[in-house]
């Protein structure tokens, strides 16, 4: 009997299935991590204690409506100058 003539046992099937699930989860994490670093909004909660967007360290990737409004206003002011 050669290696290719053998059928897969139930234990091997479960082991391969677990490997594929783990590999799929790893790819999903890597994809999501790369997607969030590409400039998409990832945060919706204000982290600045006083709520000032101008001094917030998370402004570049914040998706909070106030932060989006602030970024749009700053961009509009820069284009007017």
Protein backbone atom coordinates (compact mmCIF):
# COMPACT_ATOMS: atom_id res chain seq x y z
CA UNK A 1 0.00 0.00 0.00
CA UNK A 2 1.39 3.38 -0.97
CA UNK A 3 0.87 6.71 0.75
CA UNK A 4 -1.67 7.86 -1.85
CA UNK A 5 -3.87 4.76 -1.56
CA UNK A 6 -4.71 5.38 2.08
CA UNK A 7 -7.95 7.07 3.15
CA UNK A 8 -8.10 9.69 5.86
CA UNK A 9 -9.17 8.57 9.33
CA UNK A 10 -11.62 10.52 11.44
CA UNK A 11 -8.82 11.72 13.74
CA UNK A 12 -6.78 12.99 10.79
CA UNK A 13 -9.85 14.71 9.36
CA UNK A 14 -10.50 16.54 12.64
CA UNK A 15 -6.83 17.51 12.95
CA UNK A 16 -6.77 18.92 9.41
CA UNK A 17 -10.04 20.75 10.02
CA UNK A 18 -8.63 22.34 13.19
CA UNK A 19 -5.50 23.40 11.28
CA UNK A 20 -7.57 25.05 8.56
CA UNK A 21 -9.74 26.85 11.13
CA UNK A 22 -6.67 28.17 12.94
CA UNK A 23 -5.06 29.21 9.68
CA UNK A 24 -8.24 30.98 8.59
CA UNK A 25 -8.41 32.80 11.90
CA UNK A 26 -4.80 33.88 11.55
CA UNK A 27 -5.44 35.24 8.05
CA UNK A 28 -8.53 37.06 9.29
CA UNK A 29 -6.52 38.74 12.06
CA UNK A 30 -3.72 39.72 9.71
CA UNK A 31 -6.17 41.06 7.13
CA UNK A 32 -8.10 43.02 9.72
CA UNK A 33 -4.91 44.43 11.24
CA UNK A 34 -3.66 45.52 7.82
CA UNK A 35 -7.04 47.00 6.93
CA UNK A 36 -7.19 49.08 10.09
CA UNK A 37 -3.70 50.46 9.52
CA UNK A 38 -4.54 51.56 6.01
CA UNK A 39 -6.24 54.72 7.26
CA UNK A 40 -9.72 53.40 7.88
CA UNK A 41 -11.52 54.53 11.00
CA UNK A 42 -11.13 52.08 13.85
CA UNK A 43 -12.13 53.96 16.97
CA UNK A 44 -15.50 55.43 17.90
CA UNK A 45 -14.83 56.38 21.53
CA UNK A 46 -13.24 59.64 22.57
CA UNK A 47 -10.06 59.05 24.59
CA UNK A 48 -9.22 62.66 25.46
CA UNK A 49 -10.40 63.38 29.03
CA UNK A 50 -11.68 66.86 28.16
CA UNK A 51 -13.04 65.84 24.76
CA UNK A 52 -10.83 68.15 22.71
CA UNK A 53 -10.01 66.67 19.33
CA UNK A 54 -7.16 69.11 18.70
CA UNK A 55 -5.04 67.63 21.52
CA UNK A 56 -6.12 64.00 21.15
CA UNK A 57 -3.40 61.52 20.26
CA UNK A 58 -5.88 59.24 18.48
CA UNK A 59 -7.22 61.91 16.12
CA UNK A 60 -5.64 60.44 12.96
CA UNK A 61 -7.59 57.18 13.17
CA UNK A 62 -10.58 58.18 15.28
CA UNK A 63 -14.02 57.53 13.81
CA UNK A 64 -16.04 59.41 16.41
CA UNK A 65 -18.52 61.80 14.75
CA UNK A 66 -17.04 64.79 16.58
CA UNK A 67 -13.55 63.89 15.41
CA UNK A 68 -14.73 63.43 11.82
CA UNK A 69 -16.41 66.82 11.94
CA UNK A 70 -13.28 68.42 13.40
CA UNK A 71 -11.05 66.87 10.72
CA UNK A 72 -13.40 68.09 8.00
CA UNK A 73 -13.42 71.62 9.45
CA UNK A 74 -9.62 71.68 9.67
CA UNK A 75 -9.32 70.44 6.10
CA UNK A 76 -11.80 73.09 4.95
CA UNK A 77 -9.87 75.83 6.75
CA UNK A 78 -6.59 74.66 5.23
CA UNK A 79 -8.08 74.72 1.75
CA UNK A 80 -9.35 78.28 2.25
CA UNK A 81 -5.90 79.55 3.21
